[in-house]
């Protein structure tokens, strides 16, 4: 039976990236060695790192004056690294869900944190609007896509302060005006690579401004000066990231990904709206193109377990909703094919017919 991987992360990767990685695990660049055992400072792997950085800059049109880093620790470490490097007195955060809340918690250890707005009052089912960012903050932090609650910012905000964004689950899914941001970071395991590497794009001139001592491993400047090789980088995930970046480029770049994602989301949200058994959980204008969250309509709540089992019998993997929302969550990242989305829609239609 064909499997359709809707897992929220670690999640689906392009088949080409998986196959290239599998080959490199056995024989990297015809060296007779595995990519897992070659020196990260050897010319073969150095070429991987250089090409990966170059493709990130090309695909996202990264302006001059920015550095691209491949680090460890996941986005959760960036919750700490961002304030460590940038927060001198006060920072502003937009609270749109679990990961934003965790980022706020970490930042409070370094200075004053202003929560400019929150959608916690409605279980984070919408993106707050019409908030004001204080002009005297060191930076303003947003989470662009909220995997648990299925909401997403669809535009790059314009603010006077330095803008920092956690783009872990929608990086490379649409064009981004990088020039509006001071820092963009993304754990790779949702839309770029396997778990273990974190992409960071940072504007060089905002660094070195805080008065505190920053440990070397947490200092962006140290990693920039060492080309992401201050310590041994996560070589295998970086290699897989390179293969995914190549796949994105060959499939129309981020503009092509946006068209692909909008088409998939339209089909699935359309069925949720049509099908009398289901309803979406996120505000329509803020619905995520990456994580589609939905539940059974109230009168059919007793069928939730039955539908989950039915969908799993049809090859659907990872569609159970997070406990914070319940119901179902279909993560349709870049690598998710249209055919898998259609298979889920067909299962929803068939289940409706049966009930």
Protein backbone atom coordinates (compact mmCIF):
# COMPACT_ATOMS: atom_id res chain seq x y z
CA UNK A 1 0.00 0.00 0.00
CA UNK A 2 1.25 3.48 -0.83
CA UNK A 3 1.93 5.60 2.23
CA UNK A 4 1.01 9.29 2.34
CA UNK A 5 3.18 11.05 4.92
CA UNK A 6 1.33 13.98 6.50
CA UNK A 7 3.57 14.07 9.59
CA UNK A 8 4.26 17.51 11.06
CA UNK A 9 7.97 16.92 11.56
CA UNK A 10 10.25 15.15 10.99
CA UNK A 11 8.30 15.08 7.79
CA UNK A 12 8.22 14.23 4.14
CA UNK A 13 11.27 14.95 1.99
CA UNK A 14 11.66 14.93 -1.81
CA UNK A 15 12.32 11.40 -3.00
CA UNK A 16 15.33 12.67 -4.94
CA UNK A 17 16.87 14.05 -1.74
CA UNK A 18 16.32 10.77 0.12
CA UNK A 19 17.84 8.69 -2.67
CA UNK A 20 20.86 10.98 -3.08
CA UNK A 21 21.44 10.88 0.68
CA UNK A 22 21.12 7.09 0.76
CA UNK A 23 23.76 6.83 -1.97
CA UNK A 24 26.07 9.26 -0.17
CA UNK A 25 25.75 7.24 3.02
CA UNK A 26 27.21 4.31 1.10
CA UNK A 27 29.64 6.15 -1.18
CA UNK A 28 30.04 9.92 -0.96
CA UNK A 29 31.21 11.63 -4.14
CA UNK A 30 32.85 8.40 -5.38
CA UNK A 31 35.29 8.61 -2.48
CA UNK A 32 34.65 5.05 -1.31
CA UNK A 33 33.68 6.55 2.05
CA UNK A 34 30.34 7.43 3.60
CA UNK A 35 29.31 11.06 3.99
CA UNK A 36 28.97 10.11 7.66
CA UNK A 37 32.69 9.38 7.98
CA UNK A 38 34.51 11.94 5.82
CA UNK A 39 36.25 14.95 7.32
CA UNK A 40 34.05 18.03 7.49
CA UNK A 41 37.16 20.03 6.60
CA UNK A 42 38.00 17.97 3.53
CA UNK A 43 37.50 19.50 0.09
CA UNK A 44 34.58 17.20 -0.78
CA UNK A 45 32.42 18.21 2.17
CA UNK A 46 33.58 21.82 2.05
CA UNK A 47 32.11 21.93 -1.45
CA UNK A 48 28.77 20.72 -0.03
CA UNK A 49 28.69 23.52 2.54
CA UNK A 50 29.67 26.18 -0.01
CA UNK A 51 27.01 25.05 -2.51
CA UNK A 52 24.31 24.82 0.17
CA UNK A 53 25.02 28.38 1.34
CA UNK A 54 25.03 29.59 -2.25
CA UNK A 55 21.69 27.97 -3.05
CA UNK A 56 20.05 29.43 0.06
CA UNK A 57 21.16 32.88 -1.06
CA UNK A 58 20.02 32.27 -4.62
CA UNK A 59 16.60 30.81 -3.80
CA UNK A 60 15.71 33.46 -1.23
CA UNK A 61 17.49 36.34 -3.01
CA UNK A 62 19.51 37.07 0.12
CA UNK A 63 21.03 40.56 -0.16
CA UNK A 64 24.68 41.41 0.42
CA UNK A 65 25.59 41.89 4.06
CA UNK A 66 23.93 38.70 5.28
CA UNK A 67 25.54 35.43 6.36
CA UNK A 68 24.07 31.94 6.00
CA UNK A 69 24.82 29.45 8.76
CA UNK A 70 24.14 25.75 9.27
CA UNK A 71 24.09 25.09 13.02
CA UNK A 72 22.99 22.42 15.47
CA UNK A 73 20.50 22.60 18.31
CA UNK A 74 17.28 23.09 16.40
CA UNK A 75 15.07 26.17 16.45
CA UNK A 76 14.76 25.69 20.21
CA UNK A 77 18.41 26.69 20.64
CA UNK A 78 17.71 29.80 18.54
CA UNK A 79 15.11 30.81 21.14
CA UNK A 80 18.16 31.34 23.35
CA UNK A 81 20.76 32.46 20.76
CA UNK A 82 18.64 35.31 19.42
CA UNK A 83 18.33 37.17 22.74
CA UNK A 84 21.88 36.20 23.72
CA UNK A 85 23.16 38.03 20.63
CA UNK A 86 20.61 40.81 20.24
CA UNK A 87 18.74 41.61 23.45
CA UNK A 88 20.42 44.41 25.41
CA UNK A 89 17.43 45.97 27.15
CA UNK A 90 14.03 45.11 25.65
CA UNK A 91 12.54 42.90 22.94
CA UNK A 92 9.04 42.54 21.49
CA UNK A 93 7.35 39.24 20.63
CA UNK A 94 4.13 38.30 18.83
CA UNK A 95 2.59 35.30 20.57
CA UNK A 96 0.88 33.03 18.04
CA UNK A 97 1.30 29.61 19.59
CA UNK A 98 3.36 27.05 21.43
CA UNK A 99 6.71 27.78 19.81
CA UNK A 100 6.32 31.55 20.10
CA UNK A 101 5.48 31.06 23.78
CA UNK A 102 8.64 29.01 24.29
CA UNK A 103 10.72 31.67 22.53
CA UNK A 104 9.23 34.33 24.83
CA UNK A 105 10.09 32.24 27.90
CA UNK A 106 13.74 31.97 26.85
CA UNK A 107 14.06 35.68 26.02
CA UNK A 108 12.88 36.73 29.48
CA UNK A 109 16.16 35.42 30.87
CA UNK A 110 18.05 38.15 29.00
CA UNK A 111 15.98 41.29 29.40
CA UNK A 112 12.53 42.84 29.32
CA UNK A 113 10.08 41.20 26.93
CA UNK A 114 6.99 42.97 25.58
CA UNK A 115 4.24 40.70 24.24
CA UNK A 116 2.71 43.04 21.66
CA UNK A 117 -0.28 40.78 21.00
CA UNK A 118 -1.47 37.22 21.52
CA UNK A 119 -4.16 34.94 20.12
CA UNK A 120 -4.13 32.70 23.18
CA UNK A 121 -7.67 33.86 23.98
CA UNK A 122 -8.95 31.78 21.06
CA UNK A 123 -6.51 28.86 21.39
CA UNK A 124 -4.20 30.53 18.85
CA UNK A 125 -6.69 30.04 16.02
CA UNK A 126 -5.85 33.39 14.39
CA UNK A 127 -2.96 35.79 13.82
CA UNK A 128 -3.33 39.03 15.83
CA UNK A 129 -3.73 42.22 13.78
CA UNK A 130 -3.39 45.96 14.43
CA UNK A 131 -0.79 45.67 17.16
CA UNK A 132 1.93 48.24 17.80
CA UNK A 133 5.61 47.38 18.08
CA UNK A 134 7.46 49.76 20.43
CA UNK A 135 10.17 51.67 18.60
CA UNK A 136 12.67 51.33 21.44
CA UNK A 137 12.98 47.53 21.35
CA UNK A 138 16.17 45.78 20.29
CA UNK A 139 14.18 43.49 17.97
CA UNK A 140 10.69 42.18 17.18
CA UNK A 141 10.22 38.40 16.97
CA UNK A 142 7.55 36.52 14.99
CA UNK A 143 6.79 32.88 14.23
CA UNK A 144 5.66 32.80 10.62
CA UNK A 145 3.87 29.45 10.66
CA UNK A 146 2.30 27.68 13.62
CA UNK A 147 2.42 23.94 13.07
CA UNK A 148 0.22 22.98 16.01
CA UNK A 149 -2.62 25.44 15.39
CA UNK A 150 -2.51 25.72 11.59
CA UNK A 151 -2.09 29.49 11.22
CA UNK A 152 0.43 31.39 9.10
CA UNK A 153 1.61 34.91 8.34
CA UNK A 154 1.36 35.30 4.59
CA UNK A 155 3.30 38.56 4.27
CA UNK A 156 6.57 39.98 5.58
CA UNK A 157 5.80 42.61 8.25
CA UNK A 158 7.17 46.14 7.97
CA UNK A 159 8.52 47.38 11.28
CA UNK A 160 11.10 49.99 12.28
CA UNK A 161 12.98 47.66 14.63
CA UNK A 162 15.07 44.63 13.71
CA UNK A 163 12.72 41.84 12.63
CA UNK A 164 13.49 38.26 13.70
CA UNK A 165 11.53 35.29 12.40
CA UNK A 166 11.24 31.62 13.23
CA UNK A 167 10.43 30.13 9.80
CA UNK A 168 10.98 26.50 10.75
CA UNK A 169 7.86 25.14 9.08
CA UNK A 170 7.39 27.41 6.06
CA UNK A 171 10.93 28.27 4.95
CA UNK A 172 11.27 28.01 1.13
CA UNK A 173 7.49 27.66 0.74
CA UNK A 174 7.10 31.20 -0.64
CA UNK A 175 9.25 34.16 -1.67
CA UNK A 176 10.52 36.17 1.31
CA UNK A 177 11.80 39.74 1.38
CA UNK A 178 14.91 38.89 3.39
CA UNK A 179 15.94 42.56 3.49
CA UNK A 180 13.12 43.20 5.99
CA UNK A 181 14.65 40.77 8.49
CA UNK A 182 17.63 40.89 10.80
CA UNK A 183 17.53 37.15 11.55
CA UNK A 184 15.65 34.26 9.96
CA UNK A 185 16.06 30.82 11.49
CA UNK A 186 14.54 27.44 10.70
CA UNK A 187 14.85 23.95 12.11
CA UNK A 188 15.30 21.85 8.99
CA UNK A 189 13.12 18.82 9.75
CA UNK A 190 9.89 20.26 8.38
CA UNK A 191 10.69 21.70 4.96
CA UNK A 192 14.42 21.41 4.28
CA UNK A 193 16.19 18.31 5.60
CA UNK A 194 16.22 15.59 8.21
CA UNK A 195 16.47 16.61 11.85
CA UNK A 196 19.83 17.78 13.14
CA UNK A 197 20.63 21.03 11.33
CA UNK A 198 19.24 24.53 11.69
CA UNK A 199 19.43 27.19 9.01
CA UNK A 200 20.20 30.75 10.18
CA UNK A 201 20.30 33.83 7.97
CA UNK A 202 21.64 36.85 9.85
CA UNK A 203 22.40 40.45 8.90
CA UNK A 204 26.00 41.01 9.81
CA UNK A 205 25.75 44.63 10.98
CA UNK A 206 23.33 43.90 13.82
CA UNK A 207 25.84 41.72 15.68
CA UNK A 208 28.36 42.70 18.34
CA UNK A 209 26.10 45.30 19.95
CA UNK A 210 25.27 43.66 23.30
CA UNK A 211 27.45 44.25 26.35
CA UNK A 212 27.32 40.71 27.75
CA UNK A 213 29.89 38.02 27.09
CA UNK A 214 28.56 35.46 24.62
CA UNK A 215 29.97 31.92 24.80
CA UNK A 216 31.64 30.95 21.53
CA UNK A 217 29.13 28.23 20.63
CA UNK A 218 26.25 30.68 21.07
CA UNK A 219 27.89 33.59 19.25
CA UNK A 220 26.71 34.17 15.68
CA UNK A 221 29.92 36.07 14.86
CA UNK A 222 32.06 33.09 15.82
CA UNK A 223 30.10 30.79 13.52
CA UNK A 224 30.23 33.33 10.68
CA UNK A 225 34.00 33.71 11.02
CA UNK A 226 34.37 29.92 10.88
CA UNK A 227 31.95 29.26 7.98
CA UNK A 228 29.66 27.14 10.19
CA UNK A 229 32.63 24.95 11.12
CA UNK A 230 33.64 26.27 14.52
CA UNK A 231 32.75 22.78 15.67
CA UNK A 232 31.94 19.73 13.57
CA UNK A 233 28.70 20.54 11.73
CA UNK A 234 25.84 18.05 11.30
CA UNK A 235 27.26 16.78 8.01
CA UNK A 236 24.56 14.35 6.94
CA UNK A 237 21.62 16.78 7.44
CA UNK A 238 23.58 19.51 5.63
CA UNK A 239 24.09 17.15 2.69
CA UNK A 240 20.38 16.31 2.65
CA UNK A 241 19.54 20.02 2.82
CA UNK A 242 21.68 20.59 -0.27
CA UNK A 243 19.76 17.90 -2.15
CA UNK A 244 16.44 19.48 -1.14
CA UNK A 245 17.65 22.92 -2.21
CA UNK A 246 18.61 21.48 -5.61
CA UNK A 247 15.13 19.93 -5.87
CA UNK A 248 13.47 23.26 -5.02
CA UNK A 249 15.53 25.03 -7.69
CA UNK A 250 14.70 22.43 -10.33
CA UNK A 251 10.98 22.73 -9.52
CA UNK A 252 10.56 26.45 -10.03
CA UNK A 253 12.28 27.82 -6.93
CA UNK A 254 10.30 29.30 -4.06
CA UNK A 255 7.79 30.86 -6.46
CA UNK A 256 7.15 27.39 -7.87
CA UNK A 257 6.78 26.03 -4.34
CA UNK A 258 4.23 28.72 -3.51
CA UNK A 259 2.10 27.82 -6.54
CA UNK A 260 2.37 24.14 -5.67
CA UNK A 261 1.42 24.74 -2.03
CA UNK A 262 -1.50 27.05 -2.80
CA UNK A 263 -2.95 24.45 -5.16
CA UNK A 264 -2.67 21.63 -2.60
CA UNK A 265 -4.11 23.72 0.20
CA UNK A 266 -7.03 24.91 -1.94
CA UNK A 267 -8.03 21.33 -2.68
CA UNK A 268 -7.90 20.22 0.96
CA UNK A 269 -9.52 23.32 2.48
CA UNK A 270 -12.17 23.12 -0.24
CA UNK A 271 -13.09 19.61 0.83
CA UNK A 272 -13.15 20.57 4.52
CA UNK A 273 -15.62 23.34 3.69
CA UNK A 274 -17.75 21.10 1.45
CA UNK A 275 -17.83 17.97 3.60
CA UNK A 276 -20.58 18.06 6.25
CA UNK A 277 -18.51 15.89 8.62
CA UNK A 278 -15.59 18.32 9.05
CA UNK A 279 -14.72 21.91 9.88
CA UNK A 280 -11.49 23.88 9.97
CA UNK A 281 -10.08 25.26 13.21
CA UNK A 282 -8.10 28.30 11.99
CA UNK A 283 -9.44 31.69 10.93
CA UNK A 284 -9.93 31.58 7.16
CA UNK A 285 -7.68 34.56 6.42
CA UNK A 286 -4.85 33.05 8.51
CA UNK A 287 -5.02 29.43 7.40
CA UNK A 288 -1.65 27.78 6.96
CA UNK A 289 -0.54 26.44 3.61
CA UNK A 290 1.73 24.02 5.48
CA UNK A 291 -0.38 22.56 8.30
CA UNK A 292 -4.09 22.06 7.70
CA UNK A 293 -5.93 21.57 10.99
CA UNK A 294 -9.53 20.34 11.10
CA UNK A 295 -11.94 18.52 13.38
CA UNK A 296 -15.25 16.72 13.14
CA UNK A 297 -18.33 18.93 13.23
CA UNK A 298 -19.94 18.79 16.66
CA UNK A 299 -22.71 16.38 15.71
CA UNK A 300 -20.15 13.90 14.34
CA UNK A 301 -17.52 14.09 17.09
CA UNK A 302 -18.13 10.46 18.01
CA UNK A 303 -16.78 9.47 14.57
CA UNK A 304 -13.33 10.99 15.11
CA UNK A 305 -11.62 7.74 16.09
CA UNK A 306 -13.38 5.90 13.26
CA UNK A 307 -12.19 8.39 10.65
CA UNK A 308 -8.62 8.28 11.92
CA UNK A 309 -8.59 4.50 11.64
CA UNK A 310 -10.26 4.65 8.22
CA UNK A 311 -7.71 7.16 6.91
CA UNK A 312 -4.85 5.08 8.26
CA UNK A 313 -6.26 2.04 6.48
CA UNK A 314 -6.00 4.07 3.26
CA UNK A 315 -2.31 4.75 3.82
CA UNK A 316 -2.53 8.13 5.59
CA UNK A 317 0.31 8.63 8.07
CA UNK A 318 0.60 11.31 10.74
CA UNK A 319 -2.79 13.01 10.41
CA UNK A 320 -3.80 12.86 14.07
CA UNK A 321 -4.13 16.40 15.39
CA UNK A 322 -1.98 17.78 18.19
CA UNK A 323 -3.54 17.38 21.62
CA UNK A 324 -3.81 21.19 21.91
CA UNK A 325 -6.32 21.24 19.03
CA UNK A 326 -7.54 17.67 18.64
CA UNK A 327 -9.03 16.26 15.47
CA UNK A 328 -6.70 16.05 12.51
CA UNK A 329 -3.67 17.78 11.05
CA UNK A 330 -2.43 17.27 7.50
CA UNK A 331 1.03 18.73 7.02
CA UNK A 332 1.47 19.42 3.31
CA UNK A 333 5.00 20.77 3.10
CA UNK A 334 6.84 21.45 -0.16
CA UNK A 335 7.66 17.80 -0.83
CA UNK A 336 4.06 16.60 -0.36
CA UNK A 337 2.73 15.60 -3.82
CA UNK A 338 -0.68 16.68 -5.05
CA UNK A 339 -1.61 13.00 -5.38
CA UNK A 340 -1.32 12.45 -1.64
CA UNK A 341 -3.53 15.43 -0.87
CA UNK A 342 -6.09 14.08 -3.33
CA UNK A 343 -5.89 10.67 -1.67
CA UNK A 344 -6.80 12.24 1.67
CA UNK A 345 -9.66 14.16 0.07
CA UNK A 346 -10.93 10.94 -1.52
CA UNK A 347 -10.82 9.24 1.89
CA UNK A 348 -12.82 12.10 3.41
CA UNK A 349 -15.44 11.81 0.66
CA UNK A 350 -15.68 8.04 1.02
CA UNK A 351 -16.06 8.30 4.78
CA UNK A 352 -18.80 10.88 4.33
CA UNK A 353 -20.67 8.52 2.02
CA UNK A 354 -20.47 5.75 4.58
CA UNK A 355 -21.80 7.94 7.38
